[in-house]
Amino acid sequence: MQIYKSDDLVKAQFYDKDVGYENLWAAPLGDNLYRLESIPFFIYGISLHDVVLGLPNEEGILVFSELIKPSGNKTLRARPKQFTVPKN
């Protein structure tokens, strides 16, 4: 595993309609591909070291587009009740 300095990383923005936005550190791999270097706290469906496609929006913010290659890592969460969204 390669270790990156914060100067080598970029912020990628993820959005979920239930929780809003979360920004994660990612390592650029080229061709708009990025490896996640942060553990998501709110966003589901992604994990540390997943490779994702990120595209800049009209404001120049790097926005998650799709999961390209899962890392095989799992993200387990333990949250206080006030940070959970009730399921219907």
PDB file of N, CA and C in Angstrom:
ATOM      1  N   MET A   1       0.855  -1.173   0.000  1.00  0.00           N
ATOM      2  CA  MET A   1       0.000   0.000   0.000  1.00  0.00           C
ATOM      3  C   MET A   1       0.899   1.233   0.000  1.00  0.00           C
ATOM      4  N   GLN A   2       0.558   2.199  -0.826  1.00  0.00           N
ATOM      5  CA  GLN A   2       1.311   3.446  -0.896  1.00  0.00           C
ATOM      6  C   GLN A   2       0.717   4.456   0.078  1.00  0.00           C
ATOM      7  N   ILE A   3       1.568   5.154   0.793  1.00  0.00           N
ATOM      8  CA  ILE A   3       1.130   6.188   1.731  1.00  0.00           C
ATOM      9  C   ILE A   3       1.214   7.541   1.022  1.00  0.00           C
ATOM     10  N   TYR A   4       0.170   8.340   1.132  1.00  0.00           N
ATOM     11  CA  TYR A   4       0.117   9.649   0.496  1.00  0.00           C
ATOM     12  C   TYR A   4       0.170  10.750   1.533  1.00  0.00           C
ATOM     13  N   LYS A   5       0.845  11.831   1.185  1.00  0.00           N
ATOM     14  CA  LYS A   5       0.793  13.043   1.996  1.00  0.00           C
ATOM     15  C   LYS A   5      -0.484  13.783   1.609  1.00  0.00           C
ATOM     16  N   SER A   6      -0.955  14.662   2.475  1.00  0.00           N
ATOM     17  CA  SER A   6      -2.176  15.399   2.146  1.00  0.00           C
ATOM     18  C   SER A   6      -1.997  16.243   0.886  1.00  0.00           C
ATOM     19  N   ASP A   7      -0.763  16.639   0.564  1.00  0.00           N
ATOM     20  CA  ASP A   7      -0.518  17.398  -0.665  1.00  0.00           C
ATOM     21  C   ASP A   7      -0.806  16.569  -1.915  1.00  0.00           C
ATOM     22  N   ASP A   8      -0.737  15.253  -1.807  1.00  0.00           N
ATOM     23  CA  ASP A   8      -0.970  14.357  -2.939  1.00  0.00           C
ATOM     24  C   ASP A   8      -2.446  13.992  -3.082  1.00  0.00           C
ATOM     25  N   LEU A   9      -3.271  14.336  -2.105  1.00  0.00           N
ATOM     26  CA  LEU A   9      -4.667  13.926  -2.095  1.00  0.00           C
ATOM     27  C   LEU A   9      -5.584  15.074  -2.497  1.00  0.00           C
ATOM     28  N   VAL A  10      -6.762  14.712  -2.952  1.00  0.00           N
ATOM     29  CA  VAL A  10      -7.796  15.686  -3.288  1.00  0.00           C
ATOM     30  C   VAL A  10      -9.057  15.318  -2.512  1.00  0.00           C
ATOM     31  N   LYS A  11      -9.946  16.291  -2.388  1.00  0.00           N
ATOM     32  CA  LYS A  11     -11.239  16.027  -1.745  1.00  0.00           C
ATOM     33  C   LYS A  11     -12.248  15.652  -2.817  1.00  0.00           C
ATOM     34  N   ALA A  12     -12.986  14.582  -2.582  1.00  0.00           N
ATOM     35  CA  ALA A  12     -14.066  14.158  -3.474  1.00  0.00           C
ATOM     36  C   ALA A  12     -15.370  14.273  -2.704  1.00  0.00           C
ATOM     37  N   GLN A  13     -16.376  14.840  -3.344  1.00  0.00           N
ATOM     38  CA  GLN A  13     -17.656  15.064  -2.687  1.00  0.00           C
ATOM     39  C   GLN A  13     -18.640  13.953  -3.052  1.00  0.00           C
ATOM     40  N   PHE A  14     -19.276  13.418  -2.025  1.00  0.00           N
ATOM     41  CA  PHE A  14     -20.291  12.382  -2.184  1.00  0.00           C
ATOM     42  C   PHE A  14     -21.610  12.936  -1.677  1.00  0.00           C
ATOM     43  N   TYR A  15     -22.714  12.490  -2.280  1.00  0.00           N
ATOM     44  CA  TYR A  15     -24.030  12.981  -1.880  1.00  0.00           C
ATOM     45  C   TYR A  15     -24.977  11.813  -1.680  1.00  0.00           C
ATOM     46  N   ASP A  16     -25.755  11.885  -0.620  1.00  0.00           N
ATOM     47  CA  ASP A  16     -26.828  10.940  -0.349  1.00  0.00           C
ATOM     48  C   ASP A  16     -28.055  11.759   0.020  1.00  0.00           C
ATOM     49  N   LYS A  17     -29.202  11.461  -0.584  1.00  0.00           N
ATOM     50  CA  LYS A  17     -30.404  12.267  -0.356  1.00  0.00           C
ATOM     51  C   LYS A  17     -30.859  12.250   1.095  1.00  0.00           C
ATOM     52  N   ASP A  18     -30.526  11.203   1.836  1.00  0.00           N
ATOM     53  CA  ASP A  18     -30.953  11.103   3.236  1.00  0.00           C
ATOM     54  C   ASP A  18     -30.032  11.835   4.210  1.00  0.00           C
ATOM     55  N   VAL A  19     -28.743  11.953   3.867  1.00  0.00           N
ATOM     56  CA  VAL A  19     -27.802  12.554   4.824  1.00  0.00           C
ATOM     57  C   VAL A  19     -27.096  13.798   4.306  1.00  0.00           C
ATOM     58  N   GLY A  20     -27.146  14.034   3.013  1.00  0.00           N
ATOM     59  CA  GLY A  20     -26.492  15.217   2.457  1.00  0.00           C
ATOM     60  C   GLY A  20     -25.125  14.895   1.892  1.00  0.00           C
ATOM     61  N   TYR A  21     -24.193  15.839   2.072  1.00  0.00           N
ATOM     62  CA  TYR A  21     -22.864  15.750   1.463  1.00  0.00           C
ATOM     63  C   TYR A  21     -21.821  15.269   2.466  1.00  0.00           C
ATOM     64  N   GLU A  22     -20.844  14.532   1.930  1.00  0.00           N
ATOM     65  CA  GLU A  22     -19.669  14.138   2.705  1.00  0.00           C
ATOM     66  C   GLU A  22     -18.463  14.249   1.782  1.00  0.00           C
ATOM     67  N   ASN A  23     -17.387  14.855   2.259  1.00  0.00           N
ATOM     68  CA  ASN A  23     -16.152  14.985   1.492  1.00  0.00           C
ATOM     69  C   ASN A  23     -15.125  13.994   2.025  1.00  0.00           C
ATOM     70  N   LEU A  24     -14.507  13.257   1.105  1.00  0.00           N
ATOM     71  CA  LEU A  24     -13.508  12.255   1.468  1.00  0.00           C
ATOM     72  C   LEU A  24     -12.206  12.534   0.723  1.00  0.00           C
ATOM     73  N   TRP A  25     -11.086  12.203   1.365  1.00  0.00           N
ATOM     74  CA  TRP A  25      -9.788  12.310   0.707  1.00  0.00           C
ATOM     75  C   TRP A  25      -9.648  11.177  -0.300  1.00  0.00           C
ATOM     76  N   ALA A  26      -9.041  11.503  -1.451  1.00  0.00           N
ATOM     77  CA  ALA A  26      -8.846  10.504  -2.499  1.00  0.00           C
ATOM     78  C   ALA A  26      -7.515  10.750  -3.199  1.00  0.00           C
ATOM     79  N   ALA A  27      -6.892   9.668  -3.641  1.00  0.00           N
ATOM     80  CA  ALA A  27      -5.626   9.742  -4.372  1.00  0.00           C
ATOM     81  C   ALA A  27      -5.906   9.669  -5.869  1.00  0.00           C
ATOM     82  N   PRO A  28      -5.461  10.670  -6.637  1.00  0.00           N
ATOM     83  CA  PRO A  28      -5.663  10.637  -8.085  1.00  0.00           C
ATOM     84  C   PRO A  28      -4.873   9.498  -8.727  1.00  0.00           C
ATOM     85  N   LEU A  29      -5.542   8.748  -9.614  1.00  0.00           N
ATOM     86  CA  LEU A  29      -4.903   7.640 -10.320  1.00  0.00           C
ATOM     87  C   LEU A  29      -4.772   7.926 -11.812  1.00  0.00           C
ATOM     88  N   GLY A  30      -5.356   9.024 -12.274  1.00  0.00           N
ATOM     89  CA  GLY A  30      -5.368   9.351 -13.695  1.00  0.00           C
ATOM     90  C   GLY A  30      -6.703   8.976 -14.320  1.00  0.00           C
ATOM     91  N   ASP A  31      -7.014   9.580 -15.456  1.00  0.00           N
ATOM     92  CA  ASP A  31      -8.255   9.311 -16.203  1.00  0.00           C
ATOM     93  C   ASP A  31      -9.505   9.479 -15.342  1.00  0.00           C
ATOM     94  N   ASN A  32      -9.507  10.481 -14.460  1.00  0.00           N
ATOM     95  CA  ASN A  32     -10.645  10.771 -13.568  1.00  0.00           C
ATOM     96  C   ASN A  32     -10.942   9.653 -12.571  1.00  0.00           C
ATOM     97  N   LEU A  33      -9.963   8.777 -12.327  1.00  0.00           N
ATOM     98  CA  LEU A  33     -10.121   7.715 -11.332  1.00  0.00           C
ATOM     99  C   LEU A  33      -9.402   8.122 -10.055  1.00  0.00           C
ATOM    100  N   TYR A  34      -9.997   7.739  -8.911  1.00  0.00           N
ATOM    101  CA  TYR A  34      -9.467   8.099  -7.595  1.00  0.00           C
ATOM    102  C   TYR A  34      -9.636   6.931  -6.647  1.00  0.00           C
ATOM    103  N   ARG A  35      -8.613   6.715  -5.794  1.00  0.00           N
ATOM    104  CA  ARG A  35      -8.705   5.697  -4.740  1.00  0.00           C
ATOM    105  C   ARG A  35      -9.020   6.410  -3.433  1.00  0.00           C
ATOM    106  N   LEU A  36     -10.084   5.968  -2.776  1.00  0.00           N
ATOM    107  CA  LEU A  36     -10.494   6.605  -1.531  1.00  0.00           C
ATOM    108  C   LEU A  36      -9.486   6.326  -0.438  1.00  0.00           C
ATOM    109  N   GLU A  37      -9.062   7.390   0.240  1.00  0.00           N
ATOM    110  CA  GLU A  37      -8.085   7.296   1.322  1.00  0.00           C
ATOM    111  C   GLU A  37      -8.691   7.712   2.660  1.00  0.00           C
ATOM    112  N   SER A  38     -10.006   7.854   2.706  1.00  0.00           N
ATOM    113  CA  SER A  38     -10.740   8.163   3.935  1.00  0.00           C
ATOM    114  C   SER A  38     -11.823   7.113   4.135  1.00  0.00           C
ATOM    115  N   ILE A  39     -12.175   6.889   5.370  1.00  0.00           N
ATOM    116  CA  ILE A  39     -13.282   5.985   5.688  1.00  0.00           C
ATOM    117  C   ILE A  39     -14.566   6.813   5.727  1.00  0.00           C
ATOM    118  N   PRO A  40     -15.570   6.445   4.925  1.00  0.00           N
ATOM    119  CA  PRO A  40     -16.813   7.220   4.941  1.00  0.00           C
ATOM    120  C   PRO A  40     -17.540   7.071   6.271  1.00  0.00           C
ATOM    121  N   PHE A  41     -18.105   8.175   6.738  1.00  0.00           N
ATOM    122  CA  PHE A  41     -18.856   8.147   7.990  1.00  0.00           C
ATOM    123  C   PHE A  41     -20.354   8.059   7.730  1.00  0.00           C
ATOM    124  N   PHE A  42     -20.836   8.805   6.738  1.00  0.00           N
ATOM    125  CA  PHE A  42     -22.268   8.852   6.452  1.00  0.00           C
ATOM    126  C   PHE A  42     -22.666   8.109   5.178  1.00  0.00           C
ATOM    127  N   ILE A  43     -21.840   8.130   4.162  1.00  0.00           N
ATOM    128  CA  ILE A  43     -22.207   7.608   2.850  1.00  0.00           C
ATOM    129  C   ILE A  43     -22.029   6.087   2.812  1.00  0.00           C
ATOM    130  N   TYR A  44     -23.054   5.409   2.347  1.00  0.00           N
ATOM    131  CA  TYR A  44     -23.019   3.950   2.218  1.00  0.00           C
ATOM    132  C   TYR A  44     -22.656   3.554   0.789  1.00  0.00           C
ATOM    133  N   GLY A  45     -22.197   2.314   0.609  1.00  0.00           N
ATOM    134  CA  GLY A  45     -21.908   1.777  -0.711  1.00  0.00           C
ATOM    135  C   GLY A  45     -20.487   1.986  -1.180  1.00  0.00           C
ATOM    136  N   ILE A  46     -19.651   2.607  -0.345  1.00  0.00           N
ATOM    137  CA  ILE A  46     -18.240   2.799  -0.658  1.00  0.00           C
ATOM    138  C   ILE A  46     -17.421   2.509   0.595  1.00  0.00           C
ATOM    139  N   SER A  47     -16.150   2.167   0.385  1.00  0.00           N
ATOM    140  CA  SER A  47     -15.260   1.874   1.507  1.00  0.00           C
ATOM    141  C   SER A  47     -13.849   2.361   1.196  1.00  0.00           C
ATOM    142  N   LEU A  48     -13.000   2.365   2.217  1.00  0.00           N
ATOM    143  CA  LEU A  48     -11.602   2.735   2.093  1.00  0.00           C
ATOM    144  C   LEU A  48     -10.950   1.957   0.955  1.00  0.00           C
ATOM    145  N   HIS A  49     -10.206   2.658   0.104  1.00  0.00           N
ATOM    146  CA  HIS A  49      -9.430   2.134  -1.022  1.00  0.00           C
ATOM    147  C   HIS A  49     -10.261   1.692  -2.226  1.00  0.00           C
ATOM    148  N   ASP A  50     -11.584   1.919  -2.219  1.00  0.00           N
ATOM    149  CA  ASP A  50     -12.363   1.710  -3.434  1.00  0.00           C
ATOM    150  C   ASP A  50     -11.855   2.679  -4.495  1.00  0.00           C
ATOM    151  N   VAL A  51     -11.927   2.273  -5.758  1.00  0.00           N
ATOM    152  CA  VAL A  51     -11.589   3.158  -6.872  1.00  0.00           C
ATOM    153  C   VAL A  51     -12.903   3.686  -7.438  1.00  0.00           C
ATOM    154  N   VAL A  52     -12.991   5.010  -7.535  1.00  0.00           N
ATOM    155  CA  VAL A  52     -14.218   5.654  -7.995  1.00  0.00           C
ATOM    156  C   VAL A  52     -13.910   6.583  -9.163  1.00  0.00           C
ATOM    157  N   LEU A  53     -14.947   6.876  -9.937  1.00  0.00           N
ATOM    158  CA  LEU A  53     -14.858   7.878 -10.986  1.00  0.00           C
ATOM    159  C   LEU A  53     -15.319   9.194 -10.391  1.00  0.00           C
ATOM    160  N   GLY A  54     -14.508  10.231 -10.538  1.00  0.00           N
ATOM    161  CA  GLY A  54     -14.854  11.551 -10.036  1.00  0.00           C
ATOM    162  C   GLY A  54     -14.756  12.577 -11.145  1.00  0.00           C
ATOM    163  N   LEU A  55     -15.786  13.408 -11.262  1.00  0.00           N
ATOM    164  CA  LEU A  55     -15.809  14.429 -12.307  1.00  0.00           C
ATOM    165  C   LEU A  55     -16.064  15.788 -11.679  1.00  0.00           C
ATOM    166  N   PRO A  56     -15.397  16.840 -12.163  1.00  0.00           N
ATOM    167  CA  PRO A  56     -15.643  18.173 -11.602  1.00  0.00           C
ATOM    168  C   PRO A  56     -17.023  18.688 -12.018  1.00  0.00           C
ATOM    169  N   ASN A  57     -17.719  19.325 -11.064  1.00  0.00           N
ATOM    170  CA  ASN A  57     -19.005  19.939 -11.396  1.00  0.00           C
ATOM    171  C   ASN A  57     -18.769  21.350 -11.928  1.00  0.00           C
ATOM    172  N   GLU A  58     -19.834  22.113 -12.148  1.00  0.00           N
ATOM    173  CA  GLU A  58     -19.701  23.451 -12.733  1.00  0.00           C
ATOM    174  C   GLU A  58     -18.928  24.416 -11.847  1.00  0.00           C
ATOM    175  N   GLU A  59     -18.850  24.141 -10.514  1.00  0.00           N
ATOM    176  CA  GLU A  59     -18.058  24.978  -9.607  1.00  0.00           C
ATOM    177  C   GLU A  59     -16.620  24.489  -9.464  1.00  0.00           C
ATOM    178  N   GLY A  60     -16.278  23.390 -10.170  1.00  0.00           N
ATOM    179  CA  GLY A  60     -14.936  22.844 -10.089  1.00  0.00           C
ATOM    180  C   GLY A  60     -14.727  21.877  -8.934  1.00  0.00           C
ATOM    181  N   ILE A  61     -15.805  21.509  -8.224  1.00  0.00           N
ATOM    182  CA  ILE A  61     -15.720  20.558  -7.111  1.00  0.00           C
ATOM    183  C   ILE A  61     -15.720  19.145  -7.681  1.00  0.00           C
ATOM    184  N   LEU A  62     -14.776  18.320  -7.233  1.00  0.00           N
ATOM    185  CA  LEU A  62     -14.708  16.935  -7.673  1.00  0.00           C
ATOM    186  C   LEU A  62     -15.860  16.157  -7.050  1.00  0.00           C
ATOM    187  N   VAL A  63     -16.710  15.596  -7.894  1.00  0.00           N
ATOM    188  CA  VAL A  63     -17.920  14.919  -7.429  1.00  0.00           C
ATOM    189  C   VAL A  63     -17.871  13.444  -7.827  1.00  0.00           C
ATOM    190  N   PHE A  64     -18.213  12.570  -6.874  1.00  0.00           N
ATOM    191  CA  PHE A  64     -18.301  11.143  -7.117  1.00  0.00           C
ATOM    192  C   PHE A  64     -19.304  10.876  -8.226  1.00  0.00           C
ATOM    193  N   SER A  65     -18.938  10.023  -9.177  1.00  0.00           N
ATOM    194  CA  SER A  65     -19.832   9.669 -10.268  1.00  0.00           C
ATOM    195  C   SER A  65     -20.255   8.205 -10.183  1.00  0.00           C
ATOM    196  N   GLU A  66     -19.264   7.301  -9.998  1.00  0.00           N
ATOM    197  CA  GLU A  66     -19.621   5.889  -9.870  1.00  0.00           C
ATOM    198  C   GLU A  66     -18.476   5.096  -9.254  1.00  0.00           C
ATOM    199  N   LEU A  67     -18.822   3.978  -8.652  1.00  0.00           N
ATOM    200  CA  LEU A  67     -17.838   3.038  -8.119  1.00  0.00           C
ATOM    201  C   LEU A  67     -17.296   2.236  -9.290  1.00  0.00           C
ATOM    202  N   ILE A  68     -15.976   2.238  -9.453  1.00  0.00           N
ATOM    203  CA  ILE A  68     -15.346   1.526 -10.560  1.00  0.00           C
ATOM    204  C   ILE A  68     -14.819   0.167 -10.116  1.00  0.00           C
ATOM    205  N   LYS A  69     -14.116   0.149  -8.978  1.00  0.00           N
ATOM    206  CA  LYS A  69     -13.517  -1.106  -8.510  1.00  0.00           C
ATOM    207  C   LYS A  69     -13.575  -1.152  -6.988  1.00  0.00           C
ATOM    208  N   PRO A  70     -14.418  -2.023  -6.424  1.00  0.00           N
ATOM    209  CA  PRO A  70     -14.454  -2.162  -4.966  1.00  0.00           C
ATOM    210  C   PRO A  70     -13.123  -2.702  -4.453  1.00  0.00           C
ATOM    211  N   SER A  71     -12.713  -2.230  -3.294  1.00  0.00           N
ATOM    212  CA  SER A  71     -11.443  -2.659  -2.700  1.00  0.00           C
ATOM    213  C   SER A  71     -11.552  -4.003  -2.002  1.00  0.00           C
ATOM    214  N   GLY A  72     -12.760  -4.386  -1.653  1.00  0.00           N
ATOM    215  CA  GLY A  72     -12.946  -5.588  -0.833  1.00  0.00           C
ATOM    216  C   GLY A  72     -13.028  -5.241   0.644  1.00  0.00           C
ATOM    217  N   ASN A  73     -12.752  -3.982   0.996  1.00  0.00           N
ATOM    218  CA  ASN A  73     -12.885  -3.535   2.382  1.00  0.00           C
ATOM    219  C   ASN A  73     -14.350  -3.353   2.741  1.00  0.00           C
ATOM    220  N   LYS A  74     -14.649  -3.484   3.999  1.00  0.00           N
ATOM    221  CA  LYS A  74     -15.991  -3.250   4.525  1.00  0.00           C
ATOM    222  C   LYS A  74     -15.924  -2.072   5.493  1.00  0.00           C
ATOM    223  N   THR A  75     -17.010  -1.328   5.563  1.00  0.00           N
ATOM    224  CA  THR A  75     -17.099  -0.216   6.503  1.00  0.00           C
ATOM    225  C   THR A  75     -18.168  -0.552   7.527  1.00  0.00           C
ATOM    226  N   LEU A  76     -17.756  -0.680   8.773  1.00  0.00           N
ATOM    227  CA  LEU A  76     -18.694  -0.944   9.870  1.00  0.00           C
ATOM    228  C   LEU A  76     -18.872   0.346  10.643  1.00  0.00           C
ATOM    229  N   ARG A  77     -20.111   0.620  11.030  1.00  0.00           N
ATOM    230  CA  ARG A  77     -20.398   1.884  11.715  1.00  0.00           C
ATOM    231  C   ARG A  77     -21.129   1.620  13.025  1.00  0.00           C
ATOM    232  N   ALA A  78     -20.781   2.402  14.004  1.00  0.00           N
ATOM    233  CA  ALA A  78     -21.518   2.443  15.276  1.00  0.00           C
ATOM    234  C   ALA A  78     -21.841   3.906  15.508  1.00  0.00           C
ATOM    235  N   ARG A  79     -23.137   4.240  15.489  1.00  0.00           N
ATOM    236  CA  ARG A  79     -23.547   5.641  15.596  1.00  0.00           C
ATOM    237  C   ARG A  79     -24.570   5.830  16.690  1.00  0.00           C
ATOM    238  N   PRO A  80     -24.530   7.002  17.315  1.00  0.00           N
ATOM    239  CA  PRO A  80     -25.600   7.349  18.239  1.00  0.00           C
ATOM    240  C   PRO A  80     -26.917   7.459  17.465  1.00  0.00           C
ATOM    241  N   LYS A  81     -28.015   7.247  18.139  1.00  0.00           N
ATOM    242  CA  LYS A  81     -29.325   7.239  17.505  1.00  0.00           C
ATOM    243  C   LYS A  81     -29.624   8.541  16.750  1.00  0.00           C
ATOM    244  N   GLN A  82     -29.161   9.697  17.253  1.00  0.00           N
ATOM    245  CA  GLN A  82     -29.464  10.968  16.601  1.00  0.00           C
ATOM    246  C   GLN A  82     -28.811  11.085  15.213  1.00  0.00           C
ATOM    247  N   PHE A  83     -27.858  10.211  14.874  1.00  0.00           N
ATOM    248  CA  PHE A  83     -27.218  10.235  13.556  1.00  0.00           C
ATOM    249  C   PHE A  83     -27.758   9.175  12.620  1.00  0.00           C
ATOM    250  N   THR A  84     -28.841   8.529  12.953  1.00  0.00           N
ATOM    251  CA  THR A  84     -29.395   7.505  12.090  1.00  0.00           C
ATOM    252  C   THR A  84     -30.666   8.016  11.425  1.00  0.00           C
ATOM    253  N   VAL A  85     -30.960   7.460  10.280  1.00  0.00           N
ATOM    254  CA  VAL A  85     -32.179   7.804   9.547  1.00  0.00           C
ATOM    255  C   VAL A  85     -33.148   6.655   9.726  1.00  0.00           C
ATOM    256  N   PRO A  86     -34.361   6.934  10.231  1.00  0.00           N
ATOM    257  CA  PRO A  86     -35.326   5.845  10.429  1.00  0.00           C
ATOM    258  C   PRO A  86     -35.705   5.209   9.103  1.00  0.00           C
ATOM    259  N   LYS A  87     -35.807   3.905   9.076  1.00  0.00           N
ATOM    260  CA  LYS A  87     -36.236   3.145   7.905  1.00  0.00           C
ATOM    261  C   LYS A  87     -37.744   2.913   8.019  1.00  0.00           C
ATOM    262  N   ASN A  88     -38.428   3.096   6.919  1.00  0.00           N
ATOM    263  CA  ASN A  88     -39.871   2.854   6.893  1.00  0.00           C
ATOM    264  C   ASN A  88     -40.194   1.423   6.610  1.00  0.00           C
TER     265      ASN A  88
END
